[in-house]
């Protein structure tokens, strides 16, 4: 009887330990996939033009639920088809240090963090805005900002500045609707 009780205790211990290991394995696989998939997609962006973005998909889903017929009107335009003055105007208006930083403008970030009054204004770079528009959601949260920063560093490492600017100018929804 004592041996059977010890055997049952050992089996329960192994099951609970195996259950935790299995859960840890699932979590590890999820974490790996959540890092690997965006990196692979960013690598593909070197050669393949984005067909849509997270912001456009969210807009289309909202349109479906609101029974509206207003869908994203998105068409890719080649770099050669865009006026050379337009990307320069975007850099001047949005991110003057774009040619010199690596995805995150620490100078601008320090200025925003040093001001304590009111709601902090954004200090997003063009690269961060591309990362947000392609892969993330609209809204303000530290989680989204952290993911956006990681994606921005990856984009700066994999893509050229010209490619990042090209994607920004073509995909950014307000820019597409207003200027192209």
Protein backbone atom coordinates (compact mmCIF):
# COMPACT_ATOMS: atom_id res chain seq x y z
CA UNK A 1 0.00 0.00 0.00
CA UNK A 2 2.80 2.39 0.88
CA UNK A 3 4.59 1.60 -2.36
CA UNK A 4 1.42 2.27 -4.40
CA UNK A 5 0.93 5.62 -2.64
CA UNK A 6 4.53 6.65 -3.35
CA UNK A 7 4.11 5.53 -6.96
CA UNK A 8 0.96 7.65 -7.34
CA UNK A 9 2.72 10.65 -5.80
CA UNK A 10 5.62 10.20 -8.21
CA UNK A 11 3.25 9.95 -11.20
CA UNK A 12 1.40 13.09 -10.15
CA UNK A 13 4.71 14.92 -9.75
CA UNK A 14 5.86 13.82 -13.20
CA UNK A 15 2.54 14.78 -14.78
CA UNK A 16 2.55 18.22 -13.23
CA UNK A 17 6.21 18.69 -14.16
CA UNK A 18 5.55 17.47 -17.72
CA UNK A 19 2.52 19.75 -17.91
CA UNK A 20 4.64 22.75 -16.92
CA UNK A 21 7.34 21.74 -19.39
CA UNK A 22 4.74 21.41 -22.13
CA UNK A 23 3.30 24.83 -21.27
CA UNK A 24 6.81 26.30 -21.26
CA UNK A 25 7.42 24.69 -24.64
CA UNK A 26 4.24 26.25 -26.07
CA UNK A 27 5.21 29.62 -24.65
CA UNK A 28 8.74 29.33 -26.08
CA UNK A 29 7.37 28.41 -29.52
CA UNK A 30 4.89 31.30 -29.41
CA UNK A 31 7.66 33.72 -28.42
CA UNK A 32 9.92 32.43 -31.19
CA UNK A 33 7.14 32.72 -33.80
CA UNK A 34 6.17 36.21 -32.66
CA UNK A 35 9.76 37.32 -33.23
CA UNK A 36 10.58 35.27 -36.33
CA UNK A 37 7.47 36.06 -38.40
CA UNK A 38 7.91 39.87 -38.37
CA UNK A 39 11.64 39.53 -39.06
CA UNK A 40 10.96 37.30 -42.07
CA UNK A 41 8.30 39.73 -43.30
CA UNK A 42 10.71 42.65 -42.93
CA UNK A 43 13.36 40.76 -44.88
CA UNK A 44 10.78 40.14 -47.62
CA UNK A 45 10.10 43.90 -47.74
CA UNK A 46 13.52 44.35 -49.33
CA UNK A 47 12.16 42.93 -52.58
CA UNK A 48 8.38 42.69 -52.26
CA UNK A 49 6.07 45.69 -52.00
CA UNK A 50 3.59 45.47 -49.13
CA UNK A 51 0.10 44.50 -50.31
CA UNK A 52 -1.63 45.93 -47.24
CA UNK A 53 -0.92 47.10 -43.71
CA UNK A 54 -2.32 46.51 -40.25
CA UNK A 55 -3.84 50.00 -40.26
CA UNK A 56 -5.59 49.37 -43.59
CA UNK A 57 -6.85 45.96 -42.44
CA UNK A 58 -8.21 47.49 -39.24
CA UNK A 59 -9.97 50.17 -41.28
CA UNK A 60 -11.49 47.55 -43.60
CA UNK A 61 -12.68 45.41 -40.67
CA UNK A 62 -14.29 48.48 -39.07
CA UNK A 63 -15.97 49.21 -42.40
CA UNK A 64 -17.40 45.69 -42.53
CA UNK A 65 -18.82 45.87 -39.00
CA UNK A 66 -20.22 49.36 -39.56
CA UNK A 67 -21.70 48.23 -42.89
CA UNK A 68 -19.91 51.01 -44.74
CA UNK A 69 -18.64 50.75 -48.27
CA UNK A 70 -15.53 52.81 -47.59
CA UNK A 71 -12.59 50.47 -48.15
CA UNK A 72 -8.91 51.30 -48.19
CA UNK A 73 -8.01 52.64 -51.60
CA UNK A 74 -4.42 51.50 -51.77
CA UNK A 75 -2.23 51.12 -54.82
CA UNK A 76 1.52 50.75 -54.74
CA UNK A 77 3.48 53.46 -56.52
CA UNK A 78 7.07 52.93 -57.54
CA UNK A 79 9.80 55.19 -56.22
CA UNK A 80 10.36 56.56 -59.73
CA UNK A 81 6.71 57.66 -59.93
CA UNK A 82 6.93 59.80 -56.78
CA UNK A 83 8.06 63.41 -57.05
CA UNK A 84 11.56 63.81 -55.57
CA UNK A 85 10.38 66.85 -53.59
CA UNK A 86 7.71 64.86 -51.77
CA UNK A 87 10.02 62.53 -49.77
CA UNK A 88 12.20 65.53 -48.89
CA UNK A 89 9.10 67.40 -47.66
CA UNK A 90 8.10 64.36 -45.59
CA UNK A 91 11.55 64.23 -43.98
CA UNK A 92 11.43 67.98 -43.28
CA UNK A 93 7.98 67.74 -41.72
CA UNK A 94 8.17 64.42 -39.87
CA UNK A 95 11.73 63.46 -38.97
CA UNK A 96 14.62 65.81 -39.77
CA UNK A 97 17.19 63.42 -38.29
CA UNK A 98 15.95 60.48 -40.42
CA UNK A 99 19.20 60.16 -42.43
CA UNK A 100 21.30 60.13 -39.24
CA UNK A 101 19.56 57.88 -36.70
CA UNK A 102 19.12 54.12 -36.50
CA UNK A 103 15.35 53.90 -36.05
CA UNK A 104 15.03 55.81 -32.80
CA UNK A 105 15.76 59.51 -32.36
CA UNK A 106 17.25 59.66 -28.87
CA UNK A 107 17.64 63.47 -28.99
CA UNK A 108 13.92 63.96 -29.64
CA UNK A 109 13.04 61.27 -27.11
CA UNK A 110 15.06 63.05 -24.39
CA UNK A 111 13.26 66.32 -25.15
CA UNK A 112 9.84 64.68 -24.88
CA UNK A 113 10.70 62.86 -21.65
CA UNK A 114 12.17 65.99 -20.04
CA UNK A 115 8.87 67.90 -20.41
CA UNK A 116 6.57 66.83 -17.59
CA UNK A 117 3.51 69.00 -18.33
CA UNK A 118 0.43 67.60 -20.01
CA UNK A 119 0.16 64.70 -22.40
CA UNK A 120 3.53 63.93 -24.01
CA UNK A 121 3.70 64.52 -27.74
CA UNK A 122 4.95 61.80 -30.02
CA UNK A 123 8.60 61.36 -30.82
CA UNK A 124 8.16 58.64 -33.42
CA UNK A 125 10.57 58.48 -36.30
CA UNK A 126 9.58 57.68 -39.87
CA UNK A 127 10.86 54.14 -39.34
CA UNK A 128 8.74 53.69 -36.22
CA UNK A 129 5.68 54.97 -38.07
CA UNK A 130 6.30 52.49 -40.90
CA UNK A 131 6.63 49.66 -38.34
CA UNK A 132 3.39 50.72 -36.64
CA UNK A 133 1.43 51.10 -39.87
CA UNK A 134 2.59 47.79 -41.35
CA UNK A 135 2.53 45.51 -38.31
CA UNK A 136 0.80 47.10 -35.32
CA UNK A 137 -2.37 48.90 -34.27
CA UNK A 138 -3.24 52.56 -33.75
CA UNK A 139 -3.45 53.86 -30.23
CA UNK A 140 -1.14 54.76 -27.42
CA UNK A 141 0.41 52.12 -25.17
CA UNK A 142 3.84 51.28 -23.88
CA UNK A 143 3.47 47.73 -25.20
CA UNK A 144 2.87 48.98 -28.75
CA UNK A 145 5.72 51.48 -28.42
CA UNK A 146 8.10 48.72 -27.29
CA UNK A 147 7.11 46.45 -30.17
CA UNK A 148 7.36 49.39 -32.57
CA UNK A 149 10.90 50.17 -31.37
CA UNK A 150 12.05 46.57 -31.87
CA UNK A 151 10.53 46.46 -35.35
CA UNK A 152 12.09 49.84 -36.19
CA UNK A 153 15.58 48.63 -35.24
CA UNK A 154 15.05 45.50 -37.34
CA UNK A 155 13.85 47.56 -40.32
CA UNK A 156 16.83 49.90 -40.08
CA UNK A 157 19.15 46.90 -40.00
CA UNK A 158 17.53 45.10 -42.96
CA UNK A 159 16.14 47.85 -45.22
CA UNK A 160 17.79 50.88 -46.80
CA UNK A 161 16.72 54.39 -45.81
CA UNK A 162 15.31 54.89 -49.31
CA UNK A 163 13.18 51.74 -49.02
CA UNK A 164 11.87 52.77 -45.59
CA UNK A 165 10.98 56.22 -46.92
CA UNK A 166 9.38 54.70 -50.03
CA UNK A 167 7.16 52.45 -47.90
CA UNK A 168 6.27 55.36 -45.63
CA UNK A 169 5.29 57.64 -48.50
CA UNK A 170 3.19 55.01 -50.27
CA UNK A 171 1.62 53.07 -47.38
CA UNK A 172 0.98 55.72 -44.75
CA UNK A 173 -2.80 56.08 -45.09
CA UNK A 174 -3.12 59.83 -44.63
CA UNK A 175 -0.26 60.43 -47.04
CA UNK A 176 -1.80 58.09 -49.63
CA UNK A 177 -5.16 59.79 -49.43
CA UNK A 178 -3.87 63.35 -49.40
CA UNK A 179 -0.89 63.54 -51.71
CA UNK A 180 -0.58 60.63 -54.15
